Amino acid sequence: MYRSGFARSQSAYETAVNEVFETLEEMEHRLSNQRYLSGDEFTWLDLRLFMTLVRFDPVYTTYFKTNLKRIADYPNLLGYVRDIYS
């Protein structure tokens, strides 16, 4: 994430942004088959991902220009964030 925000060239920025969204797509797919990243149990990895996803739309899309999609555009990631938040 931070590599896109602090990229020193356009190509470095594009590479970093593509990697961010490839990872989001992978997590979206993973969460379509299971409740948490590691299966059915909440782990510290879920907490770390939650903190990143909560900040993604208001912070990363604005300041780091990682704005190809919003978390709201990923139904499984959005449900995951809502589930953990509640």
C-alpha atoms as a PDB file:
ATOM      1  CA  MET A   1       0.000   0.000   0.000  1.00  0.00           C
ATOM      2  CA  TYR A   2       2.624   2.501   1.036  1.00  0.00           C
ATOM      3  CA  ARG A   3       4.724   1.735  -2.028  1.00  0.00           C
ATOM      4  CA  SER A   4       2.030   3.280  -4.188  1.00  0.00           C
ATOM      5  CA  GLY A   5       1.814   6.372  -2.019  1.00  0.00           C
ATOM      6  CA  PHE A   6       5.542   6.959  -1.999  1.00  0.00           C
ATOM      7  CA  ALA A   7       6.376   5.796  -5.524  1.00  0.00           C
ATOM      8  CA  ARG A   8       9.019   7.888  -7.243  1.00  0.00           C
ATOM      9  CA  SER A   9       7.959   7.113 -10.792  1.00  0.00           C
ATOM     10  CA  GLN A  10       4.756   6.453 -12.671  1.00  0.00           C
ATOM     11  CA  SER A  11       5.768   2.893 -13.462  1.00  0.00           C
ATOM     12  CA  ALA A  12       6.568   2.161  -9.795  1.00  0.00           C
ATOM     13  CA  TYR A  13       3.179   3.610  -8.825  1.00  0.00           C
ATOM     14  CA  GLU A  14       1.330   1.514 -11.419  1.00  0.00           C
ATOM     15  CA  THR A  15       3.118  -1.660 -10.342  1.00  0.00           C
ATOM     16  CA  ALA A  16       2.332  -1.035  -6.681  1.00  0.00           C
ATOM     17  CA  VAL A  17      -1.329  -0.188  -7.342  1.00  0.00           C
ATOM     18  CA  ASN A  18      -1.783  -3.279  -9.503  1.00  0.00           C
ATOM     19  CA  GLU A  19      -0.318  -5.431  -6.724  1.00  0.00           C
ATOM     20  CA  VAL A  20      -2.684  -3.878  -4.166  1.00  0.00           C
ATOM     21  CA  PHE A  21      -5.746  -4.629  -6.266  1.00  0.00           C
ATOM     22  CA  GLU A  22      -4.565  -8.119  -7.218  1.00  0.00           C
ATOM     23  CA  THR A  23      -4.280  -8.833  -3.490  1.00  0.00           C
ATOM     24  CA  LEU A  24      -7.730  -7.370  -2.800  1.00  0.00           C
ATOM     25  CA  GLU A  25      -9.168  -9.579  -5.564  1.00  0.00           C
ATOM     26  CA  GLU A  26      -7.452 -12.619  -4.028  1.00  0.00           C
ATOM     27  CA  MET A  27      -8.871 -11.812  -0.582  1.00  0.00           C
ATOM     28  CA  GLU A  28     -12.305 -11.174  -2.079  1.00  0.00           C
ATOM     29  CA  HIS A  29     -12.217 -14.633  -3.610  1.00  0.00           C
ATOM     30  CA  ARG A  30     -10.899 -16.267  -0.420  1.00  0.00           C
ATOM     31  CA  LEU A  31     -13.616 -14.652   1.672  1.00  0.00           C
ATOM     32  CA  SER A  32     -16.279 -15.933  -0.706  1.00  0.00           C
ATOM     33  CA  ASN A  33     -15.538 -19.429   0.621  1.00  0.00           C
ATOM     34  CA  GLN A  34     -14.728 -18.805   4.279  1.00  0.00           C
ATOM     35  CA  ARG A  35     -15.586 -16.364   7.032  1.00  0.00           C
ATOM     36  CA  TYR A  36     -12.055 -15.293   7.990  1.00  0.00           C
ATOM     37  CA  LEU A  37      -8.681 -15.333   6.261  1.00  0.00           C
ATOM     38  CA  SER A  38      -7.587 -18.566   7.914  1.00  0.00           C
ATOM     39  CA  GLY A  39     -10.954 -20.300   7.858  1.00  0.00           C
ATOM     40  CA  ASP A  40     -13.577 -20.210  10.599  1.00  0.00           C
ATOM     41  CA  GLU A  41     -11.476 -18.705  13.388  1.00  0.00           C
ATOM     42  CA  PHE A  42     -10.671 -15.040  13.894  1.00  0.00           C
ATOM     43  CA  THR A  43      -6.897 -14.433  14.115  1.00  0.00           C
ATOM     44  CA  TRP A  44      -4.577 -11.462  14.486  1.00  0.00           C
ATOM     45  CA  LEU A  45      -4.232 -11.459  10.668  1.00  0.00           C
ATOM     46  CA  ASP A  46      -7.940 -10.697  10.430  1.00  0.00           C
ATOM     47  CA  LEU A  47      -7.500  -7.811  12.847  1.00  0.00           C
ATOM     48  CA  ARG A  48      -4.621  -6.400  10.816  1.00  0.00           C
ATOM     49  CA  LEU A  49      -6.570  -6.725   7.564  1.00  0.00           C
ATOM     50  CA  PHE A  50      -9.619  -5.129   9.168  1.00  0.00           C
ATOM     51  CA  MET A  51      -7.573  -2.087  10.203  1.00  0.00           C
ATOM     52  CA  THR A  52      -6.273  -1.689   6.650  1.00  0.00           C
ATOM     53  CA  LEU A  53      -9.675  -2.142   5.023  1.00  0.00           C
ATOM     54  CA  VAL A  54     -11.377   0.333   7.369  1.00  0.00           C
ATOM     55  CA  ARG A  55      -8.860   2.995   6.358  1.00  0.00           C
ATOM     56  CA  PHE A  56      -8.761   2.068   2.676  1.00  0.00           C
ATOM     57  CA  ASP A  57     -11.629   4.103   1.214  1.00  0.00           C
ATOM     58  CA  PRO A  58     -11.263   7.301   3.260  1.00  0.00           C
ATOM     59  CA  VAL A  59      -7.456   7.387   3.410  1.00  0.00           C
ATOM     60  CA  TYR A  60      -5.681   5.282   0.808  1.00  0.00           C
ATOM     61  CA  THR A  61      -7.937   6.153  -2.116  1.00  0.00           C
ATOM     62  CA  THR A  62      -7.574   9.844  -1.301  1.00  0.00           C
ATOM     63  CA  TYR A  63      -3.935  10.261  -0.371  1.00  0.00           C
ATOM     64  CA  PHE A  64      -2.251   7.322  -2.133  1.00  0.00           C
ATOM     65  CA  LYS A  65      -4.528   7.434  -5.188  1.00  0.00           C
ATOM     66  CA  THR A  66      -5.269   3.712  -4.990  1.00  0.00           C
ATOM     67  CA  ASN A  67      -8.687   4.389  -6.445  1.00  0.00           C
ATOM     68  CA  LEU A  68      -9.330   1.698  -9.025  1.00  0.00           C
ATOM     69  CA  LYS A  69     -12.039   0.287  -6.756  1.00  0.00           C
ATOM     70  CA  ARG A  70     -13.383   0.938  -3.286  1.00  0.00           C
ATOM     71  CA  ILE A  71     -13.827  -1.661  -0.564  1.00  0.00           C
ATOM     72  CA  ALA A  72     -17.551  -1.035  -1.004  1.00  0.00           C
ATOM     73  CA  ASP A  73     -17.159  -2.499  -4.520  1.00  0.00           C
ATOM     74  CA  TYR A  74     -16.061  -5.866  -3.110  1.00  0.00           C
ATOM     75  CA  PRO A  75     -19.131  -7.572  -1.605  1.00  0.00           C
ATOM     76  CA  ASN A  76     -17.185 -10.166   0.401  1.00  0.00           C
ATOM     77  CA  LEU A  77     -14.630  -7.698   1.751  1.00  0.00           C
ATOM     78  CA  LEU A  78     -17.391  -5.281   2.689  1.00  0.00           C
ATOM     79  CA  GLY A  79     -19.299  -8.030   4.493  1.00  0.00           C
ATOM     80  CA  TYR A  80     -16.083  -9.082   6.233  1.00  0.00           C
ATOM     81  CA  VAL A  81     -15.470  -5.532   7.488  1.00  0.00           C
ATOM     82  CA  ARG A  82     -19.059  -5.211   8.676  1.00  0.00           C
ATOM     83  CA  ASP A  83     -18.914  -8.593  10.410  1.00  0.00           C
ATOM     84  CA  ILE A  84     -15.727  -7.782  12.306  1.00  0.00           C
ATOM     85  CA  TYR A  85     -16.904  -4.275  13.153  1.00  0.00           C
ATOM     86  CA  SER A  86     -20.099  -5.627  14.707  1.00  0.00           C
END
